[in-house]
């Protein structure tokens, strides 16, 4: 029997003027959360868009968004 792991992607936009240092902090903070597989900004094409791959049964979109909002209270969940 094959086990399927539900690992959706979400996209979170932060303010375009958020510093590179804060974006790095966001990546590190989100990536270390239980259930998050990866979190990264495309620093060249879309530096304000954070892509997060996570395990749906381990963490919610809202928990991930709350981690980002510690650095940018106006961050918004876009989805994928």
PDB file of N, CA and C in Angstrom:
ATOM      1  N   UNK A   1       0.846  -1.189   0.000  1.00  0.00           N
ATOM      2  CA  UNK A   1       0.000   0.000   0.000  1.00  0.00           C
ATOM      3  C   UNK A   1       0.888   1.248   0.000  1.00  0.00           C
ATOM      4  N   UNK A   2       0.614   2.158  -0.899  1.00  0.00           N
ATOM      5  CA  UNK A   2       1.407   3.372  -1.027  1.00  0.00           C
ATOM      6  C   UNK A   2       0.877   4.446  -0.085  1.00  0.00           C
ATOM      7  N   UNK A   3       1.783   5.122   0.604  1.00  0.00           N
ATOM      8  CA  UNK A   3       1.417   6.210   1.488  1.00  0.00           C
ATOM      9  C   UNK A   3       1.625   7.533   0.760  1.00  0.00           C
ATOM     10  N   UNK A   4       0.623   8.361   0.758  1.00  0.00           N
ATOM     11  CA  UNK A   4       0.714   9.669   0.126  1.00  0.00           C
ATOM     12  C   UNK A   4       0.877  10.727   1.202  1.00  0.00           C
ATOM     13  N   UNK A   5       1.869  11.577   1.028  1.00  0.00           N
ATOM     14  CA  UNK A   5       2.085  12.686   1.946  1.00  0.00           C
ATOM     15  C   UNK A   5       1.597  13.946   1.245  1.00  0.00           C
ATOM     16  N   UNK A   6       0.713  14.663   1.895  1.00  0.00           N
ATOM     17  CA  UNK A   6       0.156  15.874   1.312  1.00  0.00           C
ATOM     18  C   UNK A   6       1.093  17.038   1.630  1.00  0.00           C
ATOM     19  N   UNK A   7       1.798  17.530   0.600  1.00  0.00           N
ATOM     20  CA  UNK A   7       2.764  18.610   0.787  1.00  0.00           C
ATOM     21  C   UNK A   7       2.482  19.750  -0.188  1.00  0.00           C
ATOM     22  N   UNK A   8       1.553  20.614   0.159  1.00  0.00           N
ATOM     23  CA  UNK A   8       1.238  21.736  -0.726  1.00  0.00           C
ATOM     24  C   UNK A   8       2.289  22.847  -0.627  1.00  0.00           C
ATOM     25  N   UNK A   9       2.281  23.721  -1.598  1.00  0.00           N
ATOM     26  CA  UNK A   9       3.080  24.950  -1.578  1.00  0.00           C
ATOM     27  C   UNK A   9       2.140  26.104  -1.280  1.00  0.00           C
ATOM     28  N   UNK A  10       2.658  27.094  -0.572  1.00  0.00           N
ATOM     29  CA  UNK A  10       1.936  28.354  -0.444  1.00  0.00           C
ATOM     30  C   UNK A  10       2.903  29.477  -0.793  1.00  0.00           C
ATOM     31  N   UNK A  11       2.352  30.605  -1.136  1.00  0.00           N
ATOM     32  CA  UNK A  11       3.121  31.785  -1.472  1.00  0.00           C
ATOM     33  C   UNK A  11       2.670  32.894  -0.538  1.00  0.00           C
ATOM     34  N   UNK A  12       3.639  33.541   0.090  1.00  0.00           N
ATOM     35  CA  UNK A  12       3.350  34.649   1.002  1.00  0.00           C
ATOM     36  C   UNK A  12       4.112  35.867   0.505  1.00  0.00           C
ATOM     37  N   UNK A  13       3.381  36.958   0.310  1.00  0.00           N
ATOM     38  CA  UNK A  13       4.009  38.212  -0.099  1.00  0.00           C
ATOM     39  C   UNK A  13       4.342  39.053   1.126  1.00  0.00           C
ATOM     40  N   UNK A  14       5.545  39.619   1.108  1.00  0.00           N
ATOM     41  CA  UNK A  14       5.953  40.571   2.134  1.00  0.00           C
ATOM     42  C   UNK A  14       6.146  41.917   1.457  1.00  0.00           C
ATOM     43  N   UNK A  15       6.302  42.956   2.238  1.00  0.00           N
ATOM     44  CA  UNK A  15       6.493  44.289   1.692  1.00  0.00           C
ATOM     45  C   UNK A  15       7.755  44.299   0.831  1.00  0.00           C
ATOM     46  N   UNK A  16       7.691  44.867  -0.367  1.00  0.00           N
ATOM     47  CA  UNK A  16       8.843  44.874  -1.274  1.00  0.00           C
ATOM     48  C   UNK A  16      10.087  45.546  -0.689  1.00  0.00           C
ATOM     49  N   UNK A  17       9.897  46.439   0.264  1.00  0.00           N
ATOM     50  CA  UNK A  17      11.041  47.139   0.842  1.00  0.00           C
ATOM     51  C   UNK A  17      11.575  46.472   2.108  1.00  0.00           C
ATOM     52  N   UNK A  18      11.063  45.288   2.456  1.00  0.00           N
ATOM     53  CA  UNK A  18      11.585  44.558   3.605  1.00  0.00           C
ATOM     54  C   UNK A  18      13.055  44.245   3.337  1.00  0.00           C
ATOM     55  N   UNK A  19      13.895  44.452   4.330  1.00  0.00           N
ATOM     56  CA  UNK A  19      15.336  44.289   4.136  1.00  0.00           C
ATOM     57  C   UNK A  19      15.718  42.845   3.821  1.00  0.00           C
ATOM     58  N   UNK A  20      16.844  42.690   3.147  1.00  0.00           N
ATOM     59  CA  UNK A  20      17.366  41.354   2.840  1.00  0.00           C
ATOM     60  C   UNK A  20      17.635  40.592   4.126  1.00  0.00           C
ATOM     61  N   UNK A  21      18.082  41.288   5.157  1.00  0.00           N
ATOM     62  CA  UNK A  21      18.338  40.658   6.451  1.00  0.00           C
ATOM     63  C   UNK A  21      17.052  40.094   7.044  1.00  0.00           C
ATOM     64  N   UNK A  22      15.973  40.864   6.986  1.00  0.00           N
ATOM     65  CA  UNK A  22      14.686  40.385   7.499  1.00  0.00           C
ATOM     66  C   UNK A  22      14.152  39.223   6.660  1.00  0.00           C
ATOM     67  N   UNK A  23      14.351  39.262   5.357  1.00  0.00           N
ATOM     68  CA  UNK A  23      13.913  38.138   4.513  1.00  0.00           C
ATOM     69  C   UNK A  23      14.669  36.866   4.873  1.00  0.00           C
ATOM     70  N   UNK A  24      15.963  36.993   5.155  1.00  0.00           N
ATOM     71  CA  UNK A  24      16.755  35.831   5.583  1.00  0.00           C
ATOM     72  C   UNK A  24      16.246  35.309   6.918  1.00  0.00           C
ATOM     73  N   UNK A  25      15.922  36.213   7.831  1.00  0.00           N
ATOM     74  CA  UNK A  25      15.382  35.803   9.132  1.00  0.00           C
ATOM     75  C   UNK A  25      14.052  35.059   8.953  1.00  0.00           C
ATOM     76  N   UNK A  26      13.221  35.555   8.048  1.00  0.00           N
ATOM     77  CA  UNK A  26      11.939  34.896   7.777  1.00  0.00           C
ATOM     78  C   UNK A  26      12.176  33.490   7.235  1.00  0.00           C
ATOM     79  N   UNK A  27      13.044  33.373   6.241  1.00  0.00           N
ATOM     80  CA  UNK A  27      13.346  32.048   5.680  1.00  0.00           C
ATOM     81  C   UNK A  27      13.788  31.080   6.777  1.00  0.00           C
ATOM     82  N   UNK A  28      14.716  31.524   7.618  1.00  0.00           N
ATOM     83  CA  UNK A  28      15.239  30.660   8.677  1.00  0.00           C
ATOM     84  C   UNK A  28      14.176  30.316   9.703  1.00  0.00           C
ATOM     85  N   UNK A  29      13.379  31.301  10.100  1.00  0.00           N
ATOM     86  CA  UNK A  29      12.337  31.086  11.115  1.00  0.00           C
ATOM     87  C   UNK A  29      11.280  30.105  10.606  1.00  0.00           C
ATOM     88  N   UNK A  30      10.811  30.329   9.393  1.00  0.00           N
ATOM     89  CA  UNK A  30       9.774  29.464   8.834  1.00  0.00           C
ATOM     90  C   UNK A  30      10.330  28.060   8.572  1.00  0.00           C
ATOM     91  N   UNK A  31      11.543  27.976   8.030  1.00  0.00           N
ATOM     92  CA  UNK A  31      12.131  26.678   7.682  1.00  0.00           C
ATOM     93  C   UNK A  31      12.321  25.773   8.899  1.00  0.00           C
ATOM     94  N   UNK A  32      12.536  26.351  10.070  1.00  0.00           N
ATOM     95  CA  UNK A  32      12.773  25.520  11.257  1.00  0.00           C
ATOM     96  C   UNK A  32      11.476  25.067  11.940  1.00  0.00           C
ATOM     97  N   UNK A  33      10.336  25.521  11.458  1.00  0.00           N
ATOM     98  CA  UNK A  33       9.054  25.113  12.034  1.00  0.00           C
ATOM     99  C   UNK A  33       8.769  23.651  11.720  1.00  0.00           C
ATOM    100  N   UNK A  34       8.273  22.931  12.699  1.00  0.00           N
ATOM    101  CA  UNK A  34       7.905  21.528  12.481  1.00  0.00           C
ATOM    102  C   UNK A  34       6.860  21.459  11.381  1.00  0.00           C
ATOM    103  N   UNK A  35       7.087  20.600  10.416  1.00  0.00           N
ATOM    104  CA  UNK A  35       6.150  20.422   9.312  1.00  0.00           C
ATOM    105  C   UNK A  35       6.516  21.188   8.061  1.00  0.00           C
ATOM    106  N   UNK A  36       7.463  22.121   8.159  1.00  0.00           N
ATOM    107  CA  UNK A  36       7.898  22.873   6.979  1.00  0.00           C
ATOM    108  C   UNK A  36       9.050  22.121   6.330  1.00  0.00           C
ATOM    109  N   UNK A  37       8.924  21.878   5.050  1.00  0.00           N
ATOM    110  CA  UNK A  37       9.955  21.169   4.296  1.00  0.00           C
ATOM    111  C   UNK A  37      10.977  22.155   3.743  1.00  0.00           C
ATOM    112  N   UNK A  38      10.502  23.273   3.195  1.00  0.00           N
ATOM    113  CA  UNK A  38      11.406  24.310   2.697  1.00  0.00           C
ATOM    114  C   UNK A  38      10.691  25.651   2.687  1.00  0.00           C
ATOM    115  N   UNK A  39      11.497  26.700   2.797  1.00  0.00           N
ATOM    116  CA  UNK A  39      10.984  28.074   2.739  1.00  0.00           C
ATOM    117  C   UNK A  39      12.071  28.929   2.092  1.00  0.00           C
ATOM    118  N   UNK A  40      11.711  29.613   1.015  1.00  0.00           N
ATOM    119  CA  UNK A  40      12.719  30.435   0.355  1.00  0.00           C
ATOM    120  C   UNK A  40      12.103  31.564  -0.471  1.00  0.00           C
ATOM    121  N   UNK A  41      12.853  32.648  -0.531  1.00  0.00           N
ATOM    122  CA  UNK A  41      12.541  33.752  -1.421  1.00  0.00           C
ATOM    123  C   UNK A  41      13.356  33.556  -2.692  1.00  0.00           C
ATOM    124  N   UNK A  42      12.817  33.986  -3.814  1.00  0.00           N
ATOM    125  CA  UNK A  42      13.595  34.059  -5.044  1.00  0.00           C
ATOM    126  C   UNK A  42      14.208  35.458  -5.025  1.00  0.00           C
ATOM    127  N   UNK A  43      15.422  35.551  -4.509  1.00  0.00           N
ATOM    128  CA  UNK A  43      16.040  36.857  -4.263  1.00  0.00           C
ATOM    129  C   UNK A  43      16.290  37.674  -5.526  1.00  0.00           C
ATOM    130  N   UNK A  44      16.254  37.044  -6.692  1.00  0.00           N
ATOM    131  CA  UNK A  44      16.540  37.771  -7.925  1.00  0.00           C
ATOM    132  C   UNK A  44      15.285  38.197  -8.681  1.00  0.00           C
ATOM    133  N   UNK A  45      14.341  37.276  -8.847  1.00  0.00           N
ATOM    134  CA  UNK A  45      13.146  37.594  -9.640  1.00  0.00           C
ATOM    135  C   UNK A  45      12.021  38.206  -8.813  1.00  0.00           C
ATOM    136  N   UNK A  46      11.738  37.617  -7.642  1.00  0.00           N
ATOM    137  CA  UNK A  46      10.608  38.055  -6.819  1.00  0.00           C
ATOM    138  C   UNK A  46      11.023  38.092  -5.347  1.00  0.00           C
ATOM    139  N   UNK A  47      11.824  39.074  -4.956  1.00  0.00           N
ATOM    140  CA  UNK A  47      12.367  39.086  -3.589  1.00  0.00           C
ATOM    141  C   UNK A  47      11.310  39.274  -2.506  1.00  0.00           C
ATOM    142  N   UNK A  48      10.100  39.626  -2.882  1.00  0.00           N
ATOM    143  CA  UNK A  48       9.033  39.833  -1.898  1.00  0.00           C
ATOM    144  C   UNK A  48       8.101  38.623  -1.775  1.00  0.00           C
ATOM    145  N   UNK A  49       8.397  37.520  -2.491  1.00  0.00           N
ATOM    146  CA  UNK A  49       7.510  36.358  -2.498  1.00  0.00           C
ATOM    147  C   UNK A  49       8.206  35.153  -1.856  1.00  0.00           C
ATOM    148  N   UNK A  50       7.660  34.696  -0.745  1.00  0.00           N
ATOM    149  CA  UNK A  50       8.182  33.537  -0.023  1.00  0.00           C
ATOM    150  C   UNK A  50       7.384  32.304  -0.431  1.00  0.00           C
ATOM    151  N   UNK A  51       8.081  31.284  -0.914  1.00  0.00           N
ATOM    152  CA  UNK A  51       7.447  30.014  -1.251  1.00  0.00           C
ATOM    153  C   UNK A  51       7.740  29.033  -0.136  1.00  0.00           C
ATOM    154  N   UNK A  52       6.692  28.386   0.358  1.00  0.00           N
ATOM    155  CA  UNK A  52       6.838  27.437   1.457  1.00  0.00           C
ATOM    156  C   UNK A  52       6.219  26.105   1.050  1.00  0.00           C
ATOM    157  N   UNK A  53       6.990  25.045   1.183  1.00  0.00           N
ATOM    158  CA  UNK A  53       6.523  23.676   0.988  1.00  0.00           C
ATOM    159  C   UNK A  53       6.385  23.082   2.385  1.00  0.00           C
ATOM    160  N   UNK A  54       5.220  22.523   2.689  1.00  0.00           N
ATOM    161  CA  UNK A  54       4.976  22.045   4.052  1.00  0.00           C
ATOM    162  C   UNK A  54       4.085  20.818   4.067  1.00  0.00           C
ATOM    163  N   UNK A  55       4.059  20.173   5.215  1.00  0.00           N
ATOM    164  CA  UNK A  55       3.210  19.001   5.403  1.00  0.00           C
ATOM    165  C   UNK A  55       1.878  19.476   5.981  1.00  0.00           C
ATOM    166  N   UNK A  56       0.831  19.279   5.220  1.00  0.00           N
ATOM    167  CA  UNK A  56      -0.502  19.763   5.579  1.00  0.00           C
ATOM    168  C   UNK A  56      -0.987  19.222   6.916  1.00  0.00           C
ATOM    169  N   UNK A  57      -0.608  18.005   7.242  1.00  0.00           N
ATOM    170  CA  UNK A  57      -1.078  17.410   8.492  1.00  0.00           C
ATOM    171  C   UNK A  57      -0.229  17.817   9.700  1.00  0.00           C
ATOM    172  N   UNK A  58       0.835  18.615   9.476  1.00  0.00           N
ATOM    173  CA  UNK A  58       1.727  18.985  10.569  1.00  0.00           C
ATOM    174  C   UNK A  58       1.677  20.467  10.946  1.00  0.00           C
ATOM    175  N   UNK A  59       1.308  21.325  10.002  1.00  0.00           N
ATOM    176  CA  UNK A  59       1.281  22.769  10.259  1.00  0.00           C
ATOM    177  C   UNK A  59       0.270  23.408   9.306  1.00  0.00           C
ATOM    178  N   UNK A  60      -0.352  24.487   9.745  1.00  0.00           N
ATOM    179  CA  UNK A  60      -1.359  25.147   8.903  1.00  0.00           C
ATOM    180  C   UNK A  60      -0.771  26.372   8.201  1.00  0.00           C
ATOM    181  N   UNK A  61      -1.458  26.787   7.150  1.00  0.00           N
ATOM    182  CA  UNK A  61      -1.076  28.010   6.440  1.00  0.00           C
ATOM    183  C   UNK A  61      -1.058  29.194   7.399  1.00  0.00           C
ATOM    184  N   UNK A  62      -2.037  29.252   8.281  1.00  0.00           N
ATOM    185  CA  UNK A  62      -2.137  30.372   9.208  1.00  0.00           C
ATOM    186  C   UNK A  62      -0.976  30.396  10.205  1.00  0.00           C
ATOM    187  N   UNK A  63      -0.497  29.235  10.616  1.00  0.00           N
ATOM    188  CA  UNK A  63       0.669  29.191  11.509  1.00  0.00           C
ATOM    189  C   UNK A  63       1.919  29.689  10.788  1.00  0.00           C
ATOM    190  N   UNK A  64       2.045  29.311   9.527  1.00  0.00           N
ATOM    191  CA  UNK A  64       3.189  29.781   8.735  1.00  0.00           C
ATOM    192  C   UNK A  64       3.104  31.290   8.544  1.00  0.00           C
ATOM    193  N   UNK A  65       1.924  31.771   8.178  1.00  0.00           N
ATOM    194  CA  UNK A  65       1.724  33.208   7.988  1.00  0.00           C
ATOM    195  C   UNK A  65       2.021  33.977   9.271  1.00  0.00           C
ATOM    196  N   UNK A  66       1.639  33.442  10.415  1.00  0.00           N
ATOM    197  CA  UNK A  66       1.914  34.104  11.700  1.00  0.00           C
ATOM    198  C   UNK A  66       3.418  34.248  11.932  1.00  0.00           C
ATOM    199  N   UNK A  67       4.205  33.254  11.527  1.00  0.00           N
ATOM    200  CA  UNK A  67       5.664  33.340  11.655  1.00  0.00           C
ATOM    201  C   UNK A  67       6.216  34.483  10.813  1.00  0.00           C
ATOM    202  N   UNK A  68       5.688  34.642   9.608  1.00  0.00           N
ATOM    203  CA  UNK A  68       6.143  35.705   8.715  1.00  0.00           C
ATOM    204  C   UNK A  68       5.716  37.072   9.250  1.00  0.00           C
ATOM    205  N   UNK A  69       4.533  37.155   9.812  1.00  0.00           N
ATOM    206  CA  UNK A  69       4.014  38.442  10.299  1.00  0.00           C
ATOM    207  C   UNK A  69       4.762  38.974  11.513  1.00  0.00           C
ATOM    208  N   UNK A  70       5.607  38.178  12.130  1.00  0.00           N
ATOM    209  CA  UNK A  70       6.473  38.694  13.188  1.00  0.00           C
ATOM    210  C   UNK A  70       7.438  39.717  12.610  1.00  0.00           C
ATOM    211  N   UNK A  71       7.756  39.593  11.338  1.00  0.00           N
ATOM    212  CA  UNK A  71       8.701  40.487  10.670  1.00  0.00           C
ATOM    213  C   UNK A  71       8.013  41.511   9.782  1.00  0.00           C
ATOM    214  N   UNK A  72       6.850  41.146   9.266  1.00  0.00           N
ATOM    215  CA  UNK A  72       6.079  42.043   8.399  1.00  0.00           C
ATOM    216  C   UNK A  72       4.594  41.834   8.688  1.00  0.00           C
ATOM    217  N   UNK A  73       4.025  42.674   9.568  1.00  0.00           N
ATOM    218  CA  UNK A  73       2.614  42.507   9.953  1.00  0.00           C
ATOM    219  C   UNK A  73       1.633  42.559   8.789  1.00  0.00           C
ATOM    220  N   UNK A  74       2.042  43.120   7.659  1.00  0.00           N
ATOM    221  CA  UNK A  74       1.128  43.215   6.516  1.00  0.00           C
ATOM    222  C   UNK A  74       1.333  42.079   5.511  1.00  0.00           C
ATOM    223  N   UNK A  75       2.147  41.089   5.843  1.00  0.00           N
ATOM    224  CA  UNK A  75       2.350  39.958   4.933  1.00  0.00           C
ATOM    225  C   UNK A  75       1.020  39.314   4.597  1.00  0.00           C
ATOM    226  N   UNK A  76       0.912  38.849   3.353  1.00  0.00           N
ATOM    227  CA  UNK A  76      -0.371  38.256   2.934  1.00  0.00           C
ATOM    228  C   UNK A  76      -0.153  36.912   2.259  1.00  0.00           C
ATOM    229  N   UNK A  77      -1.083  36.013   2.521  1.00  0.00           N
ATOM    230  CA  UNK A  77      -1.074  34.674   1.960  1.00  0.00           C
ATOM    231  C   UNK A  77      -1.703  34.721   0.580  1.00  0.00           C
ATOM    232  N   UNK A  78      -0.978  34.242  -0.417  1.00  0.00           N
ATOM    233  CA  UNK A  78      -1.472  34.263  -1.782  1.00  0.00           C
ATOM    234  C   UNK A  78      -1.915  32.878  -2.203  1.00  0.00           C
ATOM    235  N   UNK A  79      -1.196  31.859  -1.808  1.00  0.00           N
ATOM    236  CA  UNK A  79      -1.514  30.497  -2.206  1.00  0.00           C
ATOM    237  C   UNK A  79      -0.813  30.150  -3.507  1.00  0.00           C
ATOM    238  N   UNK A  80      -0.966  28.909  -3.938  1.00  0.00           N
ATOM    239  CA  UNK A  80      -0.391  28.464  -5.210  1.00  0.00           C
ATOM    240  C   UNK A  80      -1.343  27.522  -5.886  1.00  0.00           C
TER     241      UNK A  80
END
